[in-house]
Amino acid sequence: MLVAKHGLGFKSPSHHEIRVKYLKQQAEKTSLVLEEHKLYWKKNGCTIMTNGWTERRRMIMLNFLVNSSKGSVFWKSIDASDTCKTTEKSFKMMDDVVEEVREEDVI
């Protein structure tokens, strides 16, 4: 529908433009949004959230998110298939994320 708004002769972006130019622009926008969240965390604090699941091939995937009253931010995913077997290893993964975010900002 949106392409039709541009009428006949609309030239869509090339594969290269999408893969390089627009991806770079979006990555820069995402970095700016993340920096805004980090400043907010520094002032007001944040919490770390995680969820996990076992996929069809028996891989254990863990997602880590950072949450504050400004909103939730996806931090990273980890393939924990080989590391999620003990409490100590699970704690180590969470502790690493806390340090990456900034321990002083996590409440």
PDB file of N, CA and C in Angstrom:
ATOM      1  N   MET A   1       0.814  -1.197   0.000  1.00  0.00           N
ATOM      2  CA  MET A   1       0.000   0.000   0.000  1.00  0.00           C
ATOM      3  C   MET A   1       0.864   1.270   0.000  1.00  0.00           C
ATOM      4  N   LEU A   2       1.910   1.307   0.809  1.00  0.00           N
ATOM      5  CA  LEU A   2       2.730   2.502   0.885  1.00  0.00           C
ATOM      6  C   LEU A   2       3.479   2.753  -0.419  1.00  0.00           C
ATOM      7  N   VAL A   3       3.874   1.700  -1.106  1.00  0.00           N
ATOM      8  CA  VAL A   3       4.569   1.870  -2.388  1.00  0.00           C
ATOM      9  C   VAL A   3       3.635   2.520  -3.393  1.00  0.00           C
ATOM     10  N   ALA A   4       2.372   2.168  -3.354  1.00  0.00           N
ATOM     11  CA  ALA A   4       1.397   2.727  -4.284  1.00  0.00           C
ATOM     12  C   ALA A   4       1.259   4.240  -4.114  1.00  0.00           C
ATOM     13  N   LYS A   5       1.509   4.753  -2.920  1.00  0.00           N
ATOM     14  CA  LYS A   5       1.443   6.192  -2.686  1.00  0.00           C
ATOM     15  C   LYS A   5       2.435   6.957  -3.546  1.00  0.00           C
ATOM     16  N   HIS A   6       3.535   6.325  -3.899  1.00  0.00           N
ATOM     17  CA  HIS A   6       4.585   6.989  -4.669  1.00  0.00           C
ATOM     18  C   HIS A   6       4.320   6.958  -6.167  1.00  0.00           C
ATOM     19  N   GLY A   7       3.359   6.164  -6.596  1.00  0.00           N
ATOM     20  CA  GLY A   7       2.960   6.145  -7.991  1.00  0.00           C
ATOM     21  C   GLY A   7       3.881   5.343  -8.889  1.00  0.00           C
ATOM     22  N   LEU A   8       3.531   5.357 -10.165  1.00  0.00           N
ATOM     23  CA  LEU A   8       4.324   4.637 -11.160  1.00  0.00           C
ATOM     24  C   LEU A   8       5.719   5.230 -11.244  1.00  0.00           C
ATOM     25  N   GLY A   9       6.664   4.401 -11.530  1.00  0.00           N
ATOM     26  CA  GLY A   9       8.030   4.869 -11.674  1.00  0.00           C
ATOM     27  C   GLY A   9       8.810   4.894 -10.376  1.00  0.00           C
ATOM     28  N   PHE A  10       8.162   4.507  -9.282  1.00  0.00           N
ATOM     29  CA  PHE A  10       8.872   4.464  -8.001  1.00  0.00           C
ATOM     30  C   PHE A  10      10.021   3.469  -8.104  1.00  0.00           C
ATOM     31  N   LYS A  11      11.205   3.918  -7.728  1.00  0.00           N
ATOM     32  CA  LYS A  11      12.377   3.054  -7.758  1.00  0.00           C
ATOM     33  C   LYS A  11      12.679   2.622  -6.330  1.00  0.00           C
ATOM     34  N   SER A  12      12.549   1.343  -6.090  1.00  0.00           N
ATOM     35  CA  SER A  12      12.809   0.842  -4.735  1.00  0.00           C
ATOM     36  C   SER A  12      14.305   0.870  -4.448  1.00  0.00           C
ATOM     37  N   PRO A  13      14.672   0.920  -3.169  1.00  0.00           N
ATOM     38  CA  PRO A  13      16.094   0.932  -2.830  1.00  0.00           C
ATOM     39  C   PRO A  13      16.760  -0.368  -3.264  1.00  0.00           C
ATOM     40  N   SER A  14      18.020  -0.269  -3.590  1.00  0.00           N
ATOM     41  CA  SER A  14      18.767  -1.458  -4.001  1.00  0.00           C
ATOM     42  C   SER A  14      19.072  -2.328  -2.786  1.00  0.00           C
ATOM     43  N   HIS A  15      19.473  -3.544  -3.062  1.00  0.00           N
ATOM     44  CA  HIS A  15      19.873  -4.459  -1.998  1.00  0.00           C
ATOM     45  C   HIS A  15      21.020  -3.840  -1.189  1.00  0.00           C
ATOM     46  N   HIS A  16      21.955  -3.224  -1.881  1.00  0.00           N
ATOM     47  CA  HIS A  16      23.098  -2.597  -1.216  1.00  0.00           C
ATOM     48  C   HIS A  16      22.641  -1.453  -0.302  1.00  0.00           C
ATOM     49  N   GLU A  17      21.723  -0.602  -0.788  1.00  0.00           N
ATOM     50  CA  GLU A  17      21.231   0.510   0.039  1.00  0.00           C
ATOM     51  C   GLU A  17      20.579  -0.009   1.318  1.00  0.00           C
ATOM     52  N   ILE A  18      19.770  -1.033   1.184  1.00  0.00           N
ATOM     53  CA  ILE A  18      19.082  -1.584   2.355  1.00  0.00           C
ATOM     54  C   ILE A  18      20.090  -2.210   3.307  1.00  0.00           C
ATOM     55  N   ARG A  19      21.021  -2.978   2.748  1.00  0.00           N
ATOM     56  CA  ARG A  19      21.975  -3.744   3.544  1.00  0.00           C
ATOM     57  C   ARG A  19      23.027  -2.856   4.191  1.00  0.00           C
ATOM     58  N   VAL A  20      23.384  -1.750   3.545  1.00  0.00           N
ATOM     59  CA  VAL A  20      24.463  -0.907   4.059  1.00  0.00           C
ATOM     60  C   VAL A  20      23.924   0.430   4.580  1.00  0.00           C
ATOM     61  N   LYS A  21      23.405   1.235   3.687  1.00  0.00           N
ATOM     62  CA  LYS A  21      23.002   2.601   4.039  1.00  0.00           C
ATOM     63  C   LYS A  21      21.908   2.622   5.106  1.00  0.00           C
ATOM     64  N   TYR A  22      20.797   1.939   4.861  1.00  0.00           N
ATOM     65  CA  TYR A  22      19.670   2.013   5.787  1.00  0.00           C
ATOM     66  C   TYR A  22      19.928   1.238   7.075  1.00  0.00           C
ATOM     67  N   LEU A  23      20.670   0.148   6.984  1.00  0.00           N
ATOM     68  CA  LEU A  23      21.026  -0.584   8.191  1.00  0.00           C
ATOM     69  C   LEU A  23      21.912   0.273   9.089  1.00  0.00           C
ATOM     70  N   LYS A  24      22.871   0.982   8.494  1.00  0.00           N
ATOM     71  CA  LYS A  24      23.745   1.856   9.267  1.00  0.00           C
ATOM     72  C   LYS A  24      22.944   2.983   9.921  1.00  0.00           C
ATOM     73  N   GLN A  25      22.012   3.577   9.172  1.00  0.00           N
ATOM     74  CA  GLN A  25      21.181   4.641   9.739  1.00  0.00           C
ATOM     75  C   GLN A  25      20.366   4.129  10.927  1.00  0.00           C
ATOM     76  N   GLN A  26      19.799   2.940  10.782  1.00  0.00           N
ATOM     77  CA  GLN A  26      18.979   2.389  11.859  1.00  0.00           C
ATOM     78  C   GLN A  26      19.831   2.030  13.065  1.00  0.00           C
ATOM     79  N   ALA A  27      21.032   1.520  12.834  1.00  0.00           N
ATOM     80  CA  ALA A  27      21.941   1.198  13.938  1.00  0.00           C
ATOM     81  C   ALA A  27      22.313   2.464  14.707  1.00  0.00           C
ATOM     82  N   GLU A  28      22.529   3.573  14.009  1.00  0.00           N
ATOM     83  CA  GLU A  28      22.846   4.836  14.665  1.00  0.00           C
ATOM     84  C   GLU A  28      21.673   5.328  15.503  1.00  0.00           C
ATOM     85  N   LYS A  29      20.448   5.215  14.965  1.00  0.00           N
ATOM     86  CA  LYS A  29      19.260   5.611  15.725  1.00  0.00           C
ATOM     87  C   LYS A  29      19.104   4.759  16.977  1.00  0.00           C
ATOM     88  N   THR A  30      19.344   3.461  16.826  1.00  0.00           N
ATOM     89  CA  THR A  30      19.232   2.550  17.962  1.00  0.00           C
ATOM     90  C   THR A  30      20.261   2.891  19.027  1.00  0.00           C
ATOM     91  N   SER A  31      21.470   3.223  18.621  1.00  0.00           N
ATOM     92  CA  SER A  31      22.513   3.610  19.579  1.00  0.00           C
ATOM     93  C   SER A  31      22.123   4.861  20.349  1.00  0.00           C
ATOM     94  N   LEU A  32      21.523   5.831  19.665  1.00  0.00           N
ATOM     95  CA  LEU A  32      21.083   7.054  20.347  1.00  0.00           C
ATOM     96  C   LEU A  32      19.996   6.761  21.376  1.00  0.00           C
ATOM     97  N   VAL A  33      19.050   5.910  21.020  1.00  0.00           N
ATOM     98  CA  VAL A  33      17.986   5.538  21.951  1.00  0.00           C
ATOM     99  C   VAL A  33      18.579   4.813  23.153  1.00  0.00           C
ATOM    100  N   LEU A  34      19.516   3.910  22.904  1.00  0.00           N
ATOM    101  CA  LEU A  34      20.155   3.179  23.997  1.00  0.00           C
ATOM    102  C   LEU A  34      20.901   4.136  24.924  1.00  0.00           C
ATOM    103  N   GLU A  35      21.583   5.132  24.368  1.00  0.00           N
ATOM    104  CA  GLU A  35      22.300   6.106  25.202  1.00  0.00           C
ATOM    105  C   GLU A  35      21.333   6.892  26.075  1.00  0.00           C
ATOM    106  N   GLU A  36      20.145   7.235  25.546  1.00  0.00           N
ATOM    107  CA  GLU A  36      19.127   7.920  26.351  1.00  0.00           C
ATOM    108  C   GLU A  36      18.715   7.044  27.532  1.00  0.00           C
ATOM    109  N   HIS A  37      18.514   5.754  27.258  1.00  0.00           N
ATOM    110  CA  HIS A  37      18.136   4.831  28.329  1.00  0.00           C
ATOM    111  C   HIS A  37      19.247   4.733  29.364  1.00  0.00           C
ATOM    112  N   LYS A  38      20.494   4.647  28.921  1.00  0.00           N
ATOM    113  CA  LYS A  38      21.614   4.529  29.859  1.00  0.00           C
ATOM    114  C   LYS A  38      21.704   5.743  30.784  1.00  0.00           C
ATOM    115  N   LEU A  39      21.477   6.934  30.231  1.00  0.00           N
ATOM    116  CA  LEU A  39      21.469   8.141  31.071  1.00  0.00           C
ATOM    117  C   LEU A  39      20.343   8.070  32.101  1.00  0.00           C
ATOM    118  N   TYR A  40      19.199   7.582  31.670  1.00  0.00           N
ATOM    119  CA  TYR A  40      18.058   7.440  32.569  1.00  0.00           C
ATOM    120  C   TYR A  40      18.378   6.429  33.670  1.00  0.00           C
ATOM    121  N   TRP A  41      19.006   5.296  33.299  1.00  0.00           N
ATOM    122  CA  TRP A  41      19.370   4.279  34.294  1.00  0.00           C
ATOM    123  C   TRP A  41      20.316   4.844  35.328  1.00  0.00           C
ATOM    124  N   LYS A  42      21.248   5.674  34.870  1.00  0.00           N
ATOM    125  CA  LYS A  42      22.231   6.260  35.779  1.00  0.00           C
ATOM    126  C   LYS A  42      21.532   7.131  36.833  1.00  0.00           C
ATOM    127  N   LYS A  43      20.502   7.820  36.414  1.00  0.00           N
ATOM    128  CA  LYS A  43      19.779   8.740  37.309  1.00  0.00           C
ATOM    129  C   LYS A  43      18.744   8.012  38.169  1.00  0.00           C
ATOM    130  N   ASN A  44      18.019   7.049  37.569  1.00  0.00           N
ATOM    131  CA  ASN A  44      16.865   6.457  38.244  1.00  0.00           C
ATOM    132  C   ASN A  44      16.986   4.970  38.546  1.00  0.00           C
ATOM    133  N   GLY A  45      18.005   4.311  38.022  1.00  0.00           N
ATOM    134  CA  GLY A  45      18.171   2.886  38.255  1.00  0.00           C
ATOM    135  C   GLY A  45      17.409   2.036  37.251  1.00  0.00           C
ATOM    136  N   CYS A  46      17.761   0.756  37.232  1.00  0.00           N
ATOM    137  CA  CYS A  46      17.126  -0.183  36.314  1.00  0.00           C
ATOM    138  C   CYS A  46      17.189  -1.584  36.915  1.00  0.00           C
ATOM    139  N   THR A  47      16.476  -2.499  36.319  1.00  0.00           N
ATOM    140  CA  THR A  47      16.521  -3.900  36.729  1.00  0.00           C
ATOM    141  C   THR A  47      16.833  -4.762  35.507  1.00  0.00           C
ATOM    142  N   ILE A  48      17.367  -5.946  35.776  1.00  0.00           N
ATOM    143  CA  ILE A  48      17.678  -6.891  34.716  1.00  0.00           C
ATOM    144  C   ILE A  48      16.598  -7.966  34.724  1.00  0.00           C
ATOM    145  N   MET A  49      16.097  -8.286  33.557  1.00  0.00           N
ATOM    146  CA  MET A  49      15.106  -9.356  33.422  1.00  0.00           C
ATOM    147  C   MET A  49      15.673 -10.394  32.462  1.00  0.00           C
ATOM    148  N   THR A  50      15.283 -11.635  32.678  1.00  0.00           N
ATOM    149  CA  THR A  50      15.701 -12.687  31.765  1.00  0.00           C
ATOM    150  C   THR A  50      14.558 -13.671  31.563  1.00  0.00           C
ATOM    151  N   ASN A  51      14.526 -14.243  30.394  1.00  0.00           N
ATOM    152  CA  ASN A  51      13.620 -15.354  30.139  1.00  0.00           C
ATOM    153  C   ASN A  51      14.356 -16.343  29.259  1.00  0.00           C
ATOM    154  N   GLY A  52      13.928 -17.561  29.283  1.00  0.00           N
ATOM    155  CA  GLY A  52      14.612 -18.568  28.500  1.00  0.00           C
ATOM    156  C   GLY A  52      13.668 -19.637  28.007  1.00  0.00           C
ATOM    157  N   TRP A  53      14.120 -20.382  27.065  1.00  0.00           N
ATOM    158  CA  TRP A  53      13.338 -21.480  26.531  1.00  0.00           C
ATOM    159  C   TRP A  53      14.282 -22.480  25.881  1.00  0.00           C
ATOM    160  N   THR A  54      13.765 -23.677  25.690  1.00  0.00           N
ATOM    161  CA  THR A  54      14.509 -24.709  24.985  1.00  0.00           C
ATOM    162  C   THR A  54      13.853 -24.869  23.627  1.00  0.00           C
ATOM    163  N   GLU A  55      14.642 -24.696  22.586  1.00  0.00           N
ATOM    164  CA  GLU A  55      14.079 -24.798  21.246  1.00  0.00           C
ATOM    165  C   GLU A  55      14.067 -26.245  20.777  1.00  0.00           C
ATOM    166  N   ARG A  56      13.560 -26.471  19.581  1.00  0.00           N
ATOM    167  CA  ARG A  56      13.367 -27.822  19.061  1.00  0.00           C
ATOM    168  C   ARG A  56      14.637 -28.665  19.058  1.00  0.00           C
ATOM    169  N   ARG A  57      15.758 -28.039  18.781  1.00  0.00           N
ATOM    170  CA  ARG A  57      17.023 -28.782  18.735  1.00  0.00           C
ATOM    171  C   ARG A  57      17.673 -28.894  20.110  1.00  0.00           C
ATOM    172  N   ARG A  58      16.893 -28.618  21.149  1.00  0.00           N
ATOM    173  CA  ARG A  58      17.332 -28.722  22.537  1.00  0.00           C
ATOM    174  C   ARG A  58      18.327 -27.647  22.938  1.00  0.00           C
ATOM    175  N   MET A  59      18.428 -26.568  22.156  1.00  0.00           N
ATOM    176  CA  MET A  59      19.272 -25.436  22.547  1.00  0.00           C
ATOM    177  C   MET A  59      18.537 -24.627  23.608  1.00  0.00           C
ATOM    178  N   ILE A  60      19.246 -24.248  24.638  1.00  0.00           N
ATOM    179  CA  ILE A  60      18.671 -23.397  25.682  1.00  0.00           C
ATOM    180  C   ILE A  60      19.065 -21.963  25.366  1.00  0.00           C
ATOM    181  N   MET A  61      18.087 -21.118  25.091  1.00  0.00           N
ATOM    182  CA  MET A  61      18.324 -19.717  24.754  1.00  0.00           C
ATOM    183  C   MET A  61      17.838 -18.838  25.901  1.00  0.00           C
ATOM    184  N   LEU A  62      18.671 -17.877  26.285  1.00  0.00           N
ATOM    185  CA  LEU A  62      18.314 -16.911  27.325  1.00  0.00           C
ATOM    186  C   LEU A  62      18.341 -15.508  26.737  1.00  0.00           C
ATOM    187  N   ASN A  63      17.304 -14.745  26.986  1.00  0.00           N
ATOM    188  CA  ASN A  63      17.256 -13.334  26.611  1.00  0.00           C
ATOM    189  C   ASN A  63      17.448 -12.505  27.868  1.00  0.00           C
ATOM    190  N   PHE A  64      18.211 -11.437  27.740  1.00  0.00           N
ATOM    191  CA  PHE A  64      18.397 -10.499  28.842  1.00  0.00           C
ATOM    192  C   PHE A  64      17.869  -9.144  28.403  1.00  0.00           C
ATOM    193  N   LEU A  65      17.047  -8.532  29.258  1.00  0.00           N
ATOM    194  CA  LEU A  65      16.480  -7.223  28.998  1.00  0.00           C
ATOM    195  C   LEU A  65      16.772  -6.327  30.184  1.00  0.00           C
ATOM    196  N   VAL A  66      16.851  -5.028  29.927  1.00  0.00           N
ATOM    197  CA  VAL A  66      17.033  -4.048  30.990  1.00  0.00           C
ATOM    198  C   VAL A  66      15.733  -3.252  31.063  1.00  0.00           C
ATOM    199  N   ASN A  67      15.191  -3.160  32.264  1.00  0.00           N
ATOM    200  CA  ASN A  67      13.898  -2.518  32.436  1.00  0.00           C
ATOM    201  C   ASN A  67      14.011  -1.328  33.389  1.00  0.00           C
ATOM    202  N   SER A  68      13.304  -0.268  33.053  1.00  0.00           N
ATOM    203  CA  SER A  68      13.170   0.897  33.930  1.00  0.00           C
ATOM    204  C   SER A  68      11.811   1.519  33.624  1.00  0.00           C
ATOM    205  N   SER A  69      11.482   2.567  34.338  1.00  0.00           N
ATOM    206  CA  SER A  69      10.198   3.215  34.063  1.00  0.00           C
ATOM    207  C   SER A  69      10.205   3.911  32.695  1.00  0.00           C
ATOM    208  N   LYS A  70      11.371   4.062  32.085  1.00  0.00           N
ATOM    209  CA  LYS A  70      11.451   4.603  30.721  1.00  0.00           C
ATOM    210  C   LYS A  70      11.053   3.548  29.689  1.00  0.00           C
ATOM    211  N   GLY A  71      11.159   2.267  30.066  1.00  0.00           N
ATOM    212  CA  GLY A  71      10.801   1.178  29.165  1.00  0.00           C
ATOM    213  C   GLY A  71      11.806   0.040  29.252  1.00  0.00           C
ATOM    214  N   SER A  72      11.545  -1.006  28.506  1.00  0.00           N
ATOM    215  CA  SER A  72      12.427  -2.166  28.468  1.00  0.00           C
ATOM    216  C   SER A  72      13.287  -2.135  27.219  1.00  0.00           C
ATOM    217  N   VAL A  73      14.543  -2.561  27.378  1.00  0.00           N
ATOM    218  CA  VAL A  73      15.496  -2.585  26.274  1.00  0.00           C
ATOM    219  C   VAL A  73      16.055  -3.997  26.176  1.00  0.00           C
ATOM    220  N   PHE A  74      16.033  -4.571  24.983  1.00  0.00           N
ATOM    221  CA  PHE A  74      16.675  -5.859  24.775  1.00  0.00           C
ATOM    222  C   PHE A  74      18.173  -5.656  24.899  1.00  0.00           C
ATOM    223  N   TRP A  75      18.837  -6.485  25.727  1.00  0.00           N
ATOM    224  CA  TRP A  75      20.277  -6.353  25.909  1.00  0.00           C
ATOM    225  C   TRP A  75      21.023  -7.364  25.054  1.00  0.00           C
ATOM    226  N   LYS A  76      20.704  -8.664  25.239  1.00  0.00           N
ATOM    227  CA  LYS A  76      21.366  -9.680  24.421  1.00  0.00           C
ATOM    228  C   LYS A  76      20.709 -11.036  24.628  1.00  0.00           C
ATOM    229  N   SER A  77      21.023 -11.955  23.738  1.00  0.00           N
ATOM    230  CA  SER A  77      20.634 -13.355  23.859  1.00  0.00           C
ATOM    231  C   SER A  77      21.885 -14.190  24.020  1.00  0.00           C
ATOM    232  N   ILE A  78      21.757 -15.273  24.761  1.00  0.00           N
ATOM    233  CA  ILE A  78      22.876 -16.176  24.977  1.00  0.00           C
ATOM    234  C   ILE A  78      22.407 -17.602  24.708  1.00  0.00           C
ATOM    235  N   ASP A  79      23.216 -18.350  23.954  1.00  0.00           N
ATOM    236  CA  ASP A  79      23.000 -19.784  23.830  1.00  0.00           C
ATOM    237  C   ASP A  79      23.597 -20.392  25.086  1.00  0.00           C
ATOM    238  N   ALA A  80      22.743 -20.805  26.008  1.00  0.00           N
ATOM    239  CA  ALA A  80      23.193 -21.307  27.306  1.00  0.00           C
ATOM    240  C   ALA A  80      23.129 -22.825  27.374  1.00  0.00           C
ATOM    241  N   SER A  81      23.114 -23.482  26.240  1.00  0.00           N
ATOM    242  CA  SER A  81      22.989 -24.933  26.207  1.00  0.00           C
ATOM    243  C   SER A  81      24.060 -25.630  27.032  1.00  0.00           C
ATOM    244  N   ASP A  82      25.271 -25.110  26.997  1.00  0.00           N
ATOM    245  CA  ASP A  82      26.372 -25.758  27.711  1.00  0.00           C
ATOM    246  C   ASP A  82      26.670 -25.129  29.057  1.00  0.00           C
ATOM    247  N   THR A  83      25.996 -24.028  29.391  1.00  0.00           N
ATOM    248  CA  THR A  83      26.366 -23.318  30.613  1.00  0.00           C
ATOM    249  C   THR A  83      25.258 -23.217  31.644  1.00  0.00           C
ATOM    250  N   CYS A  84      24.063 -23.572  31.287  1.00  0.00           N
ATOM    251  CA  CYS A  84      22.911 -23.315  32.159  1.00  0.00           C
ATOM    252  C   CYS A  84      22.602 -24.499  33.081  1.00  0.00           C
ATOM    253  N   LYS A  85      23.553 -25.346  33.337  1.00  0.00           N
ATOM    254  CA  LYS A  85      23.277 -26.569  34.090  1.00  0.00           C
ATOM    255  C   LYS A  85      23.381 -26.398  35.602  1.00  0.00           C
ATOM    256  N   THR A  86      24.085 -25.371  36.051  1.00  0.00           N
ATOM    257  CA  THR A  86      24.249 -25.202  37.493  1.00  0.00           C
ATOM    258  C   THR A  86      23.833 -23.796  37.917  1.00  0.00           C
ATOM    259  N   THR A  87      23.515 -23.676  39.186  1.00  0.00           N
ATOM    260  CA  THR A  87      23.139 -22.380  39.738  1.00  0.00           C
ATOM    261  C   THR A  87      24.289 -21.395  39.635  1.00  0.00           C
ATOM    262  N   GLU A  88      25.510 -21.863  39.867  1.00  0.00           N
ATOM    263  CA  GLU A  88      26.669 -20.978  39.816  1.00  0.00           C
ATOM    264  C   GLU A  88      26.864 -20.396  38.414  1.00  0.00           C
ATOM    265  N   LYS A  89      26.709 -21.227  37.404  1.00  0.00           N
ATOM    266  CA  LYS A  89      26.883 -20.748  36.028  1.00  0.00           C
ATOM    267  C   LYS A  89      25.773 -19.778  35.645  1.00  0.00           C
ATOM    268  N   SER A  90      24.549 -20.069  36.095  1.00  0.00           N
ATOM    269  CA  SER A  90      23.438 -19.149  35.820  1.00  0.00           C
ATOM    270  C   SER A  90      23.677 -17.806  36.495  1.00  0.00           C
ATOM    271  N   PHE A  91      24.136 -17.848  37.741  1.00  0.00           N
ATOM    272  CA  PHE A  91      24.449 -16.618  38.458  1.00  0.00           C
ATOM    273  C   PHE A  91      25.545 -15.842  37.740  1.00  0.00           C
ATOM    274  N   LYS A  92      26.565 -16.533  37.252  1.00  0.00           N
ATOM    275  CA  LYS A  92      27.682 -15.878  36.553  1.00  0.00           C
ATOM    276  C   LYS A  92      27.183 -15.139  35.305  1.00  0.00           C
ATOM    277  N   MET A  93      26.284 -15.760  34.556  1.00  0.00           N
ATOM    278  CA  MET A  93      25.737 -15.092  33.361  1.00  0.00           C
ATOM    279  C   MET A  93      24.999 -13.814  33.758  1.00  0.00           C
ATOM    280  N   MET A  94      24.163 -13.899  34.788  1.00  0.00           N
ATOM    281  CA  MET A  94      23.413 -12.724  35.231  1.00  0.00           C
ATOM    282  C   MET A  94      24.367 -11.664  35.769  1.00  0.00           C
ATOM    283  N   ASP A  95      25.363 -12.077  36.534  1.00  0.00           N
ATOM    284  CA  ASP A  95      26.335 -11.138  37.079  1.00  0.00           C
ATOM    285  C   ASP A  95      27.099 -10.422  35.963  1.00  0.00           C
ATOM    286  N   ASP A  96      27.449 -11.142  34.917  1.00  0.00           N
ATOM    287  CA  ASP A  96      28.138 -10.528  33.766  1.00  0.00           C
ATOM    288  C   ASP A  96      27.269  -9.453  33.123  1.00  0.00           C
ATOM    289  N   VAL A  97      25.981  -9.726  32.989  1.00  0.00           N
ATOM    290  CA  VAL A  97      25.071  -8.737  32.393  1.00  0.00           C
ATOM    291  C   VAL A  97      24.964  -7.512  33.298  1.00  0.00           C
ATOM    292  N   VAL A  98      24.870  -7.722  34.593  1.00  0.00           N
ATOM    293  CA  VAL A  98      24.807  -6.597  35.536  1.00  0.00           C
ATOM    294  C   VAL A  98      26.046  -5.721  35.370  1.00  0.00           C
ATOM    295  N   GLU A  99      27.206  -6.334  35.247  1.00  0.00           N
ATOM    296  CA  GLU A  99      28.442  -5.561  35.070  1.00  0.00           C
ATOM    297  C   GLU A  99      28.459  -4.830  33.726  1.00  0.00           C
ATOM    298  N   GLU A 100      27.963  -5.463  32.669  1.00  0.00           N
ATOM    299  CA  GLU A 100      27.910  -4.818  31.349  1.00  0.00           C
ATOM    300  C   GLU A 100      27.014  -3.578  31.389  1.00  0.00           C
ATOM    301  N   VAL A 101      25.870  -3.705  32.059  1.00  0.00           N
ATOM    302  CA  VAL A 101      24.913  -2.595  32.129  1.00  0.00           C
ATOM    303  C   VAL A 101      25.480  -1.469  32.983  1.00  0.00           C
ATOM    304  N   ARG A 102      26.073  -1.742  34.069  1.00  0.00           N
ATOM    305  CA  ARG A 102      26.729  -0.906  35.065  1.00  0.00           C
ATOM    306  C   ARG A 102      26.135  -1.250  36.412  1.00  0.00           C
ATOM    307  N   GLU A 103      26.918  -1.927  37.179  1.00  0.00           N
ATOM    308  CA  GLU A 103      26.460  -2.419  38.485  1.00  0.00           C
ATOM    309  C   GLU A 103      25.864  -1.309  39.340  1.00  0.00           C
ATOM    310  N   GLU A 104      26.432  -0.107  39.253  1.00  0.00           N
ATOM    311  CA  GLU A 104      25.941   1.017  40.056  1.00  0.00           C
ATOM    312  C   GLU A 104      24.518   1.428  39.679  1.00  0.00           C
ATOM    313  N   ASP A 105      24.085   1.099  38.464  1.00  0.00           N
ATOM    314  CA  ASP A 105      22.762   1.515  37.992  1.00  0.00           C
ATOM    315  C   ASP A 105      21.673   0.467  38.240  1.00  0.00           C
ATOM    316  N   VAL A 106      22.069  -0.755  38.550  1.00  0.00           N
ATOM    317  CA  VAL A 106      21.106  -1.848  38.714  1.00  0.00           C
ATOM    318  C   VAL A 106      20.627  -1.875  40.159  1.00  0.00           C
ATOM    319  N   ILE A 107      19.309  -1.863  40.318  1.00  0.00           N
ATOM    320  CA  ILE A 107      18.726  -1.915  41.658  1.00  0.00           C
ATOM    321  C   ILE A 107      17.977  -3.226  41.852  1.00  0.00           C
TER     322      ILE A 107
END
